[in-house]
Structures are given as structure tokens and as C-alpha cells.
PDB file of N, CA and C in Angstrom:
ATOM      1  N   MET A   1     -36.444  74.068  -8.196  1.00  0.00           N
ATOM      2  CA  MET A   1     -36.358  72.871  -7.543  1.00  0.00           C
ATOM      3  C   MET A   1     -37.238  72.095  -6.417  1.00  0.00           C
ATOM      4  N   ASN A   2     -38.420  71.493  -6.667  1.00  0.00           N
ATOM      5  CA  ASN A   2     -39.259  71.466  -5.292  1.00  0.00           C
ATOM      6  C   ASN A   2     -38.360  70.778  -4.209  1.00  0.00           C
ATOM      7  N   ALA A   3     -39.528  70.435  -3.266  1.00  0.00           N
ATOM      8  CA  ALA A   3     -38.345  70.289  -1.494  1.00  0.00           C
ATOM      9  C   ALA A   3     -38.367  68.054  -2.348  1.00  0.00           C
ATOM     10  N   LYS A   4     -38.827  67.387  -3.087  1.00  0.00           N
ATOM     11  CA  LYS A   4     -38.987  66.319  -3.150  1.00  0.00           C
ATOM     12  C   LYS A   4     -37.464  66.195  -4.084  1.00  0.00           C
ATOM     13  N   ALA A   5     -37.560  66.956  -5.470  1.00  0.00           N
ATOM     14  CA  ALA A   5     -36.181  67.179  -5.736  1.00  0.00           C
ATOM     15  C   ALA A   5     -35.157  67.109  -5.063  1.00  0.00           C
ATOM     16  N   ARG A   6     -35.343  68.322  -4.534  1.00  0.00           N
ATOM     17  CA  ARG A   6     -34.104  68.758  -3.569  1.00  0.00           C
ATOM     18  C   ARG A   6     -33.563  67.372  -2.899  1.00  0.00           C
ATOM     19  N   LEU A   7     -34.442  66.759  -2.288  1.00  0.00           N
ATOM     20  CA  LEU A   7     -33.729  65.597  -1.426  1.00  0.00           C
ATOM     21  C   LEU A   7     -33.800  64.665  -1.952  1.00  0.00           C
ATOM     22  N   GLN A   8     -33.713  64.239  -3.393  1.00  0.00           N
ATOM     23  CA  GLN A   8     -32.687  63.075  -3.958  1.00  0.00           C
ATOM     24  C   GLN A   8     -31.769  63.535  -4.089  1.00  0.00           C
ATOM     25  N   ALA A   9     -31.584  64.872  -5.063  1.00  0.00           N
ATOM     26  CA  ALA A   9     -30.540  65.114  -5.402  1.00  0.00           C
ATOM     27  C   ALA A   9     -29.254  65.347  -4.048  1.00  0.00           C
ATOM     28  N   LEU A  10     -29.634  65.306  -2.677  1.00  0.00           N
ATOM     29  CA  LEU A  10     -28.970  65.786  -1.483  1.00  0.00           C
ATOM     30  C   LEU A  10     -28.779  64.391  -1.594  1.00  0.00           C
ATOM     31  N   GLU A  11     -29.931  63.488  -1.156  1.00  0.00           N
ATOM     32  CA  GLU A  11     -29.111  62.313  -0.737  1.00  0.00           C
ATOM     33  C   GLU A  11     -28.634  61.650  -1.880  1.00  0.00           C
ATOM     34  N   ALA A  12     -28.190  61.553  -2.935  1.00  0.00           N
ATOM     35  CA  ALA A  12     -27.458  61.489  -4.204  1.00  0.00           C
ATOM     36  C   ALA A  12     -25.790  61.634  -3.553  1.00  0.00           C
ATOM     37  N   ALA A  13     -25.981  63.548  -3.714  1.00  0.00           N
ATOM     38  CA  ALA A  13     -24.752  64.195  -2.839  1.00  0.00           C
ATOM     39  C   ALA A  13     -24.056  63.535  -1.874  1.00  0.00           C
ATOM     40  N   LEU A  14     -25.119  63.049  -0.535  1.00  0.00           N
ATOM     41  CA  LEU A  14     -24.346  62.508   0.796  1.00  0.00           C
ATOM     42  C   LEU A  14     -24.012  60.882   0.407  1.00  0.00           C
ATOM     43  N   ARG A  15     -25.340  59.948  -0.688  1.00  0.00           N
ATOM     44  CA  ARG A  15     -24.214  59.207  -0.698  1.00  0.00           C
ATOM     45  C   ARG A  15     -22.816  58.565  -1.173  1.00  0.00           C
ATOM     46  N   GLU A  16     -22.852  59.949  -2.163  1.00  0.00           N
ATOM     47  CA  GLU A  16     -21.389  60.533  -2.871  1.00  0.00           C
ATOM     48  C   GLU A  16     -20.066  59.720  -2.032  1.00  0.00           C
ATOM     49  N   ARG A  17     -20.498  60.756  -0.691  1.00  0.00           N
ATOM     50  CA  ARG A  17     -19.581  60.822   0.005  1.00  0.00           C
ATOM     51  C   ARG A  17     -19.812  59.775   1.379  1.00  0.00           C
ATOM     52  N   GLY A  18     -20.301  58.733   0.951  1.00  0.00           N
ATOM     53  CA  GLY A  18     -20.111  57.676   2.162  1.00  0.00           C
ATOM     54  C   GLY A  18     -21.569  58.141   3.050  1.00  0.00           C
ATOM     55  N   VAL A  19     -22.052  58.703   2.892  1.00  0.00           N
ATOM     56  CA  VAL A  19     -23.452  58.755   4.291  1.00  0.00           C
ATOM     57  C   VAL A  19     -24.306  57.524   4.064  1.00  0.00           C
ATOM     58  N   VAL A  20     -24.687  56.488   5.195  1.00  0.00           N
ATOM     59  CA  VAL A  20     -25.164  55.846   4.581  1.00  0.00           C
ATOM     60  C   VAL A  20     -26.802  56.245   5.689  1.00  0.00           C
ATOM     61  N   ASP A  21     -26.845  56.498   6.701  1.00  0.00           N
ATOM     62  CA  ASP A  21     -27.867  56.724   7.304  1.00  0.00           C
ATOM     63  C   ASP A  21     -28.283  58.031   7.994  1.00  0.00           C
ATOM     64  N   VAL A  22     -29.162  59.264   7.864  1.00  0.00           N
ATOM     65  CA  VAL A  22     -29.433  60.218   8.699  1.00  0.00           C
ATOM     66  C   VAL A  22     -30.739  60.374   9.207  1.00  0.00           C
ATOM     67  N   LYS A  23     -30.967  60.781  10.361  1.00  0.00           N
ATOM     68  CA  LYS A  23     -32.507  60.476  10.949  1.00  0.00           C
ATOM     69  C   LYS A  23     -32.909  62.062  11.306  1.00  0.00           C
ATOM     70  N   PHE A  24     -34.338  62.009  11.353  1.00  0.00           N
ATOM     71  CA  PHE A  24     -34.487  63.141  11.580  1.00  0.00           C
ATOM     72  C   PHE A  24     -35.627  62.912  12.859  1.00  0.00           C
ATOM     73  N   PHE A  25     -35.268  63.725  13.786  1.00  0.00           N
ATOM     74  CA  PHE A  25     -37.126  63.761  14.915  1.00  0.00           C
ATOM     75  C   PHE A  25     -37.559  65.180  14.521  1.00  0.00           C
ATOM     76  N   PHE A  26     -39.049  64.674  14.718  1.00  0.00           N
ATOM     77  CA  PHE A  26     -40.180  64.962  14.068  1.00  0.00           C
ATOM     78  C   PHE A  26     -41.223  65.324  15.213  1.00  0.00           C
ATOM     79  N   THR A  27     -41.626  66.250  15.858  1.00  0.00           N
ATOM     80  CA  THR A  27     -42.697  66.366  16.800  1.00  0.00           C
ATOM     81  C   THR A  27     -43.857  66.273  16.411  1.00  0.00           C
ATOM     82  N   ASN A  28     -44.980  65.713  17.380  1.00  0.00           N
ATOM     83  CA  ASN A  28     -46.325  65.816  16.568  1.00  0.00           C
ATOM     84  C   ASN A  28     -47.402  67.212  16.680  1.00  0.00           C
ATOM     85  N   THR A  29     -46.855  67.890  15.764  1.00  0.00           N
ATOM     86  CA  THR A  29     -47.320  69.354  15.392  1.00  0.00           C
ATOM     87  C   THR A  29     -48.098  69.287  13.892  1.00  0.00           C
ATOM     88  N   ASN A  30     -48.770  70.076  13.610  1.00  0.00           N
ATOM     89  CA  ASN A  30     -49.815  70.123  12.591  1.00  0.00           C
ATOM     90  C   ASN A  30     -48.596  71.368  11.823  1.00  0.00           C
ATOM     91  N   VAL A  31     -47.754  70.783  10.930  1.00  0.00           N
ATOM     92  CA  VAL A  31     -46.663  71.242   9.891  1.00  0.00           C
ATOM     93  C   VAL A  31     -46.929  70.468   8.784  1.00  0.00           C
ATOM     94  N   ALA A  32     -47.358  71.665   7.808  1.00  0.00           N
ATOM     95  CA  ALA A  32     -47.532  70.821   6.055  1.00  0.00           C
ATOM     96  C   ALA A  32     -46.453  69.795   5.832  1.00  0.00           C
ATOM     97  N   LEU A  33     -46.496  68.882   5.892  1.00  0.00           N
ATOM     98  CA  LEU A  33     -45.448  67.485   4.422  1.00  0.00           C
ATOM     99  C   LEU A  33     -44.632  68.192   3.820  1.00  0.00           C
ATOM    100  N   SER A  34     -44.870  69.730   2.992  1.00  0.00           N
ATOM    101  CA  SER A  34     -44.184  70.328   2.280  1.00  0.00           C
ATOM    102  C   SER A  34     -42.945  71.137   3.294  1.00  0.00           C
ATOM    103  N   THR A  35     -43.607  71.545   4.457  1.00  0.00           N
ATOM    104  CA  THR A  35     -42.558  72.231   4.837  1.00  0.00           C
ATOM    105  C   THR A  35     -41.220  71.669   5.939  1.00  0.00           C
ATOM    106  N   ILE A  36     -41.732  70.299   6.219  1.00  0.00           N
ATOM    107  CA  ILE A  36     -41.105  69.675   6.640  1.00  0.00           C
ATOM    108  C   ILE A  36     -40.106  68.976   5.625  1.00  0.00           C
ATOM    109  N   ALA A  37     -40.376  68.746   4.330  1.00  0.00           N
ATOM    110  CA  ALA A  37     -39.413  68.094   3.759  1.00  0.00           C
ATOM    111  C   ALA A  37     -38.151  69.159   3.323  1.00  0.00           C
ATOM    112  N   THR A  38     -38.838  70.383   3.276  1.00  0.00           N
ATOM    113  CA  THR A  38     -38.289  71.834   2.704  1.00  0.00           C
ATOM    114  C   THR A  38     -37.088  72.222   3.820  1.00  0.00           C
ATOM    115  N   ASP A  39     -37.401  71.907   4.959  1.00  0.00           N
ATOM    116  CA  ASP A  39     -36.450  71.588   6.679  1.00  0.00           C
ATOM    117  C   ASP A  39     -35.642  71.226   6.614  1.00  0.00           C
ATOM    118  N   ALA A  40     -36.011  69.570   6.224  1.00  0.00           N
ATOM    119  CA  ALA A  40     -35.032  68.629   6.174  1.00  0.00           C
ATOM    120  C   ALA A  40     -34.320  68.750   4.952  1.00  0.00           C
ATOM    121  N   ALA A  41     -34.581  69.135   3.929  1.00  0.00           N
ATOM    122  CA  ALA A  41     -33.708  69.716   2.313  1.00  0.00           C
ATOM    123  C   ALA A  41     -32.848  71.008   2.452  1.00  0.00           C
ATOM    124  N   ASP A  42     -33.031  71.601   3.863  1.00  0.00           N
ATOM    125  CA  ASP A  42     -32.282  72.914   4.246  1.00  0.00           C
ATOM    126  C   ASP A  42     -30.950  72.461   5.262  1.00  0.00           C
ATOM    127  N   ALA A  43     -31.388  71.203   5.848  1.00  0.00           N
ATOM    128  CA  ALA A  43     -30.600  70.632   7.235  1.00  0.00           C
ATOM    129  C   ALA A  43     -29.674  69.829   6.075  1.00  0.00           C
ATOM    130  N   LEU A  44     -29.729  69.331   5.473  1.00  0.00           N
ATOM    131  CA  LEU A  44     -29.111  68.689   4.875  1.00  0.00           C
ATOM    132  C   LEU A  44     -28.082  69.330   3.598  1.00  0.00           C
ATOM    133  N   GLN A  45     -28.223  70.606   3.079  1.00  0.00           N
ATOM    134  CA  GLN A  45     -27.975  71.010   1.773  1.00  0.00           C
ATOM    135  C   GLN A  45     -26.758  71.268   2.713  1.00  0.00           C
ATOM    136  N   ALA A  46     -27.341  72.043   4.167  1.00  0.00           N
ATOM    137  CA  ALA A  46     -25.931  72.409   4.666  1.00  0.00           C
ATOM    138  C   ALA A  46     -24.924  71.890   5.141  1.00  0.00           C
ATOM    139  N   VAL A  47     -25.184  70.549   5.449  1.00  0.00           N
ATOM    140  CA  VAL A  47     -23.983  69.106   5.249  1.00  0.00           C
ATOM    141  C   VAL A  47     -23.515  68.917   4.341  1.00  0.00           C
ATOM    142  N   VAL A  48     -23.950  69.262   2.927  1.00  0.00           N
ATOM    143  CA  VAL A  48     -22.895  68.744   1.726  1.00  0.00           C
ATOM    144  C   VAL A  48     -22.282  69.977   1.696  1.00  0.00           C
ATOM    145  N   GLU A  49     -22.775  71.517   1.835  1.00  0.00           N
ATOM    146  CA  GLU A  49     -21.569  72.346   1.547  1.00  0.00           C
ATOM    147  C   GLU A  49     -20.690  73.116   2.696  1.00  0.00           C
ATOM    148  N   GLY A  50     -20.989  71.574   3.710  1.00  0.00           N
ATOM    149  CA  GLY A  50     -20.039  72.131   5.251  1.00  0.00           C
ATOM    150  C   GLY A  50     -20.318  73.195   5.526  1.00  0.00           C
ATOM    151  N   ARG A  51     -21.525  73.719   6.247  1.00  0.00           N
ATOM    152  CA  ARG A  51     -21.952  74.951   6.781  1.00  0.00           C
ATOM    153  C   ARG A  51     -22.143  73.918   8.178  1.00  0.00           C
ATOM    154  N   THR A  52     -21.690  72.585   8.564  1.00  0.00           N
ATOM    155  CA  THR A  52     -21.638  72.554  10.195  1.00  0.00           C
ATOM    156  C   THR A  52     -20.823  72.250  10.144  1.00  0.00           C
ATOM    157  N   ARG A  53     -21.011  71.604  12.002  1.00  0.00           N
ATOM    158  CA  ARG A  53     -19.840  71.617  12.602  1.00  0.00           C
ATOM    159  C   ARG A  53     -20.057  70.192  13.437  1.00  0.00           C
ATOM    160  N   PRO A  54     -19.304  69.764  14.132  1.00  0.00           N
ATOM    161  CA  PRO A  54     -19.112  68.262  15.372  1.00  0.00           C
ATOM    162  C   PRO A  54     -20.324  68.820  16.255  1.00  0.00           C
ATOM    163  N   PHE A  55     -20.850  68.006  16.889  1.00  0.00           N
ATOM    164  CA  PHE A  55     -21.584  68.219  17.974  1.00  0.00           C
ATOM    165  C   PHE A  55     -20.609  67.357  19.653  1.00  0.00           C
ATOM    166  N   ALA A  56     -20.249  68.179  20.095  1.00  0.00           N
ATOM    167  CA  ALA A  56     -19.492  67.504  21.154  1.00  0.00           C
ATOM    168  C   ALA A  56     -20.071  67.071  22.513  1.00  0.00           C
ATOM    169  N   GLY A  57     -21.527  67.050  22.136  1.00  0.00           N
ATOM    170  CA  GLY A  57     -21.979  66.199  23.001  1.00  0.00           C
ATOM    171  C   GLY A  57     -22.725  66.895  23.928  1.00  0.00           C
ATOM    172  N   LEU A  58     -23.452  65.800  25.280  1.00  0.00           N
ATOM    173  CA  LEU A  58     -24.302  66.899  26.108  1.00  0.00           C
ATOM    174  C   LEU A  58     -23.564  66.798  27.497  1.00  0.00           C
ATOM    175  N   ASN A  59     -22.128  66.092  27.466  1.00  0.00           N
ATOM    176  CA  ASN A  59     -21.793  65.871  28.709  1.00  0.00           C
ATOM    177  C   ASN A  59     -22.315  64.938  29.948  1.00  0.00           C
ATOM    178  N   ASP A  60     -23.525  64.252  29.106  1.00  0.00           N
ATOM    179  CA  ASP A  60     -24.360  63.332  30.548  1.00  0.00           C
ATOM    180  C   ASP A  60     -23.676  61.912  30.520  1.00  0.00           C
ATOM    181  N   HIS A  61     -22.105  61.758  30.606  1.00  0.00           N
ATOM    182  CA  HIS A  61     -21.512  60.814  30.565  1.00  0.00           C
ATOM    183  C   HIS A  61     -22.372  60.199  32.090  1.00  0.00           C
ATOM    184  N   HIS A  62     -22.427  58.904  32.042  1.00  0.00           N
ATOM    185  CA  HIS A  62     -22.699  58.551  33.776  1.00  0.00           C
ATOM    186  C   HIS A  62     -21.570  57.770  34.498  1.00  0.00           C
ATOM    187  N   ALA A  63     -21.536  58.072  35.637  1.00  0.00           N
ATOM    188  CA  ALA A  63     -20.434  57.559  36.443  1.00  0.00           C
ATOM    189  C   ALA A  63     -20.620  55.494  36.489  1.00  0.00           C
ATOM    190  N   ALA A  64     -19.639  55.102  37.055  1.00  0.00           N
ATOM    191  CA  ALA A  64     -19.511  53.794  36.908  1.00  0.00           C
ATOM    192  C   ALA A  64     -19.890  53.599  38.570  1.00  0.00           C
ATOM    193  N   ALA A  65     -21.019  52.467  38.835  1.00  0.00           N
ATOM    194  CA  ALA A  65     -21.462  52.206  40.029  1.00  0.00           C
ATOM    195  C   ALA A  65     -20.090  51.216  40.812  1.00  0.00           C
TER     196      ALA A  65
END
């Protein structure tokens, strides 16, 4: 299955779980679009399969002035 088809299938699976918004940040590098799509599909596949854990944050809370 190509990356586009994988992304579409993963989008449907995530939508069924109630996910409505997923954001990615890409740096300005010379990477093939197919590589980016495959990497994004791999990350979403991990979410669908439950191979992720919550991120506790960076503890960058600002003190009240």
C-alpha cells in the first residue's frame, strides 16, 4: 500500500475514534514528499495501534507576576 492510501486509511481509523485534528511540523529541508508522507503514516499508525504515551510537557510554566 502506498503512503497516500495508508494516510487515507489511518485518517478514517482516527476519525472513527473521534480524532478531529492532527498537526505536524516540518522543517525546511530537501526531503522527498513521499518520505514525509511515509513518516507521517508511521506516526499515525503508532497512534492507531496504541504505541504512544502521553507527553507530560516541558515544565515551562510561567510564574505569575
